[in-house]
Amino acid sequence: MIAWPQIGNGPMFHTYVRARSGTVVDFDRASFLMDRDLLQVSLDALRDEQKSKPRWTTDDRAQWAWDDYCARHLAHYGEPFSPNVIPGWDQPATPIERTRPPDST
């Protein structure tokens, strides 16, 4: 079983990375769409990489894991990881309009 993504000493919670599209992505939110096996390989590779650069910040580690995962996803599936290339991938296609409650009679 693959553990929930963890970078550093604790679970990731609202760690933001810069996607190839130029937008800022919540890594934790996007991780729900990731292939668990590929993500685990990327996290293992990150741990190996950290041995040579142990002073990375949490943001550096998250960005490295994101970039590594996206490269592995492209190589495995032959298409980019959607949150990396689609700006606003987690936003509704049309704005949600507020509706007025019915008048009480």
Foldseek 3Di string as FASTA:
>chain_A
DFDADDDDDDRDDQQWEQAQQRDIDRLNVLVVVADRVLLVVLSVVLVVVCVVVVPDDPNRSSHSSVVSSQVVCCVVVVDGSVVRRPPPPVPDPDDDDDDDDDDDD
